[in-house]
C-alpha atoms as a PDB file:
ATOM      1  CA  ILE A   1       0.000   0.000   0.000  1.00  0.00           C
ATOM      2  CA  GLU A   2       2.925   2.311   0.656  1.00  0.00           C
ATOM      3  CA  GLU A   3       3.954   2.144  -2.996  1.00  0.00           C
ATOM      4  CA  ALA A   4       0.408   2.916  -4.159  1.00  0.00           C
ATOM      5  CA  GLU A   5       0.281   5.890  -1.764  1.00  0.00           C
ATOM      6  CA  LYS A   6       3.538   7.253  -3.177  1.00  0.00           C
ATOM      7  CA  GLU A   7       2.433   6.802  -6.782  1.00  0.00           C
ATOM      8  CA  ALA A   8      -0.967   8.416  -6.183  1.00  0.00           C
ATOM      9  CA  ALA A   9       0.665  11.343  -4.363  1.00  0.00           C
ATOM     10  CA  ALA A  10       3.149  11.843  -7.214  1.00  0.00           C
ATOM     11  CA  SER A  11       0.370  11.792  -9.840  1.00  0.00           C
ATOM     12  CA  PRO A  12      -2.747  13.138  -8.107  1.00  0.00           C
ATOM     13  CA  ASN A  13      -4.701  13.466 -11.364  1.00  0.00           C
ATOM     14  CA  ASP A  14      -4.130   9.898 -12.521  1.00  0.00           C
ATOM     15  CA  PHE A  15      -7.441   8.063 -12.290  1.00  0.00           C
ATOM     16  CA  SER A  16      -6.003   4.548 -12.440  1.00  0.00           C
ATOM     17  CA  LEU A  17      -3.553   5.268  -9.609  1.00  0.00           C
ATOM     18  CA  ALA A  18      -6.308   6.825  -7.474  1.00  0.00           C
ATOM     19  CA  ARG A  19      -8.545   3.798  -7.999  1.00  0.00           C
ATOM     20  CA  ARG A  20      -5.666   1.401  -7.342  1.00  0.00           C
ATOM     21  CA  LEU A  21      -4.953   3.100  -4.021  1.00  0.00           C
ATOM     22  CA  ALA A  22      -8.631   3.045  -3.070  1.00  0.00           C
ATOM     23  CA  LYS A  23      -8.863  -0.668  -3.843  1.00  0.00           C
ATOM     24  CA  GLY A  24      -5.769  -1.289  -1.746  1.00  0.00           C
ATOM     25  CA  TYR A  25      -7.441   0.353   1.232  1.00  0.00           C
ATOM     26  CA  PHE A  26     -10.660  -1.551   0.440  1.00  0.00           C
ATOM     27  CA  PHE A  27      -8.847  -4.866   0.735  1.00  0.00           C
ATOM     28  CA  GLN A  28      -7.134  -3.795   3.951  1.00  0.00           C
ATOM     29  CA  PHE A  29     -10.589  -3.071   5.346  1.00  0.00           C
ATOM     30  CA  PHE A  30     -12.499  -5.977   3.802  1.00  0.00           C
ATOM     31  CA  GLY A  31      -9.982  -8.795   3.918  1.00  0.00           C
ATOM     32  CA  GLY A  32      -7.648  -7.548   6.584  1.00  0.00           C
ATOM     33  CA  GLY A  33     -10.255  -6.325   9.034  1.00  0.00           C
ATOM     34  CA  ASN A  34      -8.426  -3.007   9.341  1.00  0.00           C
ATOM     35  CA  ASN A  35     -11.237  -0.616  10.275  1.00  0.00           C
ATOM     36  CA  SER A  36      -8.917   2.396  10.106  1.00  0.00           C
ATOM     37  CA  ALA A  37      -8.515   1.761   6.361  1.00  0.00           C
ATOM     38  CA  TYR A  38     -12.211   2.587   5.859  1.00  0.00           C
ATOM     39  CA  THR A  39     -11.743   6.355   6.143  1.00  0.00           C
ATOM     40  CA  LYS A  40      -8.723   6.280   3.861  1.00  0.00           C
ATOM     41  CA  ALA A  41     -10.614   4.170   1.336  1.00  0.00           C
ATOM     42  CA  LEU A  42     -13.598   6.536   1.350  1.00  0.00           C
ATOM     43  CA  ALA A  43     -11.375   9.508   0.584  1.00  0.00           C
ATOM     44  CA  ALA A  44      -9.488   7.611  -2.106  1.00  0.00           C
ATOM     45  CA  PHE A  45     -12.679   6.358  -3.783  1.00  0.00           C
ATOM     46  CA  GLU A  46     -14.120   9.878  -3.742  1.00  0.00           C
ATOM     47  CA  ARG A  47     -10.918  11.106  -5.391  1.00  0.00           C
ATOM     48  CA  ALA A  48     -11.141   8.364  -8.014  1.00  0.00           C
ATOM     49  CA  LEU A  49     -14.768   9.276  -8.751  1.00  0.00           C
ATOM     50  CA  ALA A  50     -13.802  12.936  -9.106  1.00  0.00           C
ATOM     51  CA  LEU A  51     -11.300  11.872 -11.779  1.00  0.00           C
ATOM     52  CA  GLY A  52     -13.472   9.204 -13.383  1.00  0.00           C
ATOM     53  CA  PRO A  53     -17.108  10.006 -12.691  1.00  0.00           C
ATOM     54  CA  ASP A  54     -19.464   7.050 -12.793  1.00  0.00           C
ATOM     55  CA  ASP A  55     -16.694   4.479 -13.297  1.00  0.00           C
ATOM     56  CA  PRO A  56     -18.492   1.172 -12.640  1.00  0.00           C
ATOM     57  CA  GLU A  57     -15.577  -0.522 -10.896  1.00  0.00           C
ATOM     58  CA  THR A  58     -15.060   2.405  -8.546  1.00  0.00           C
ATOM     59  CA  LEU A  59     -18.778   2.623  -7.847  1.00  0.00           C
ATOM     60  CA  VAL A  60     -19.128  -1.064  -7.004  1.00  0.00           C
ATOM     61  CA  TYR A  61     -16.129  -1.127  -4.694  1.00  0.00           C
ATOM     62  CA  LEU A  62     -17.261   2.030  -2.905  1.00  0.00           C
ATOM     63  CA  GLY A  63     -20.827   0.800  -2.537  1.00  0.00           C
ATOM     64  CA  SER A  64     -19.711  -2.578  -1.288  1.00  0.00           C
ATOM     65  CA  MET A  65     -17.362  -1.057   1.243  1.00  0.00           C
ATOM     66  CA  ILE A  66     -20.147   1.146   2.619  1.00  0.00           C
ATOM     67  CA  VAL A  67     -22.358  -1.936   3.053  1.00  0.00           C
ATOM     68  CA  PHE A  68     -19.557  -3.944   4.708  1.00  0.00           C
ATOM     69  CA  ASN A  69     -18.886  -1.057   7.083  1.00  0.00           C
ATOM     70  CA  ALA A  70     -22.564  -0.905   7.993  1.00  0.00           C
ATOM     71  CA  VAL A  71     -22.543  -4.603   8.856  1.00  0.00           C
ATOM     72  CA  ARG A  72     -19.323  -4.415  10.858  1.00  0.00           C
ATOM     73  CA  ASN A  73     -19.495  -1.053  12.561  1.00  0.00           C
ATOM     74  CA  GLU A  74     -23.018   0.355  12.561  1.00  0.00           C
ATOM     75  CA  ALA A  75     -25.111  -2.444  14.079  1.00  0.00           C
ATOM     76  CA  HIS A  76     -25.541  -0.339  17.231  1.00  0.00           C
ATOM     77  CA  ASP A  77     -27.459   2.337  15.270  1.00  0.00           C
ATOM     78  CA  ALA A  78     -30.225   0.852  13.118  1.00  0.00           C
ATOM     79  CA  ARG A  79     -31.048   4.152  11.406  1.00  0.00           C
ATOM     80  CA  ALA A  80     -27.436   4.857  10.413  1.00  0.00           C
ATOM     81  CA  GLN A  81     -26.982   1.260   9.350  1.00  0.00           C
ATOM     82  CA  GLN A  82     -30.051   1.378   7.090  1.00  0.00           C
ATOM     83  CA  ALA A  83     -28.931   4.664   5.551  1.00  0.00           C
ATOM     84  CA  SER A  84     -25.538   3.126   4.790  1.00  0.00           C
ATOM     85  CA  PHE A  85     -27.143   0.010   3.313  1.00  0.00           C
ATOM     86  CA  ASP A  86     -29.322   2.182   1.091  1.00  0.00           C
ATOM     87  CA  LYS A  87     -26.408   4.327  -0.077  1.00  0.00           C
ATOM     88  CA  GLY A  88     -24.103   1.369  -0.659  1.00  0.00           C
ATOM     89  CA  VAL A  89     -26.662  -0.726  -2.510  1.00  0.00           C
ATOM     90  CA  ALA A  90     -27.595   2.247  -4.704  1.00  0.00           C
ATOM     91  CA  LEU A  91     -23.942   2.605  -5.746  1.00  0.00           C
ATOM     92  CA  VAL A  92     -23.647  -1.125  -6.445  1.00  0.00           C
ATOM     93  CA  GLN A  93     -26.827  -1.040  -8.536  1.00  0.00           C
ATOM     94  CA  LYS A  94     -25.567   1.992 -10.465  1.00  0.00           C
ATOM     95  CA  ALA A  95     -22.380   0.088 -11.264  1.00  0.00           C
ATOM     96  CA  GLN A  96     -24.413  -2.913 -12.406  1.00  0.00           C
ATOM     97  CA  GLN A  97     -26.536  -0.721 -14.675  1.00  0.00           C
ATOM     98  CA  ARG A  98     -23.450   0.836 -16.260  1.00  0.00           C
ATOM     99  CA  ALA A  99     -21.499  -2.395 -16.737  1.00  0.00           C
ATOM    100  CA  PRO A 100     -23.617  -5.508 -16.161  1.00  0.00           C
ATOM    101  CA  ARG A 101     -20.987  -7.863 -17.612  1.00  0.00           C
ATOM    102  CA  HIS A 102     -17.880  -6.335 -16.016  1.00  0.00           C
ATOM    103  CA  GLY A 103     -16.066  -9.039 -14.028  1.00  0.00           C
ATOM    104  CA  ALA A 104     -15.228  -6.889 -11.005  1.00  0.00           C
ATOM    105  CA  VAL A 105     -18.737  -5.462 -10.896  1.00  0.00           C
ATOM    106  CA  ILE A 106     -20.258  -8.947 -10.953  1.00  0.00           C
ATOM    107  CA  SER A 107     -17.974 -10.396  -8.288  1.00  0.00           C
ATOM    108  CA  ILE A 108     -18.011  -7.448  -5.890  1.00  0.00           C
ATOM    109  CA  ALA A 109     -21.783  -6.967  -6.277  1.00  0.00           C
ATOM    110  CA  THR A 110     -22.350 -10.653  -5.548  1.00  0.00           C
ATOM    111  CA  ALA A 111     -20.181 -10.501  -2.433  1.00  0.00           C
ATOM    112  CA  THR A 112     -22.071  -7.414  -1.296  1.00  0.00           C
ATOM    113  CA  TYR A 113     -25.458  -9.046  -1.639  1.00  0.00           C
ATOM    114  CA  VAL A 114     -24.256 -12.181   0.169  1.00  0.00           C
ATOM    115  CA  GLU A 115     -22.974 -10.071   3.068  1.00  0.00           C
END
């Protein structure tokens, strides 16, 4: 992740580097259970979307991460959890509408719905 951070910092307007960094944080959060990576991932995904608006892969990863965070960290607040579910699922569905046959969209959307 350190290398991705350096590359993204050196080229702040490079969409692919911004998305790569965001996905790195996503996997630290999702697979590694590193809750502190969530905030970093949110910022990095927002940056990627600013550079590549409506990119299906970015949308699906961001939406999925919001849903996973709701499951893991918002169970104590049903209203906040539902709002996060709604936001995350809407992003996943937007990604599916834009690229229904994209491999990452299919796999990440499926994992999100299973969660």
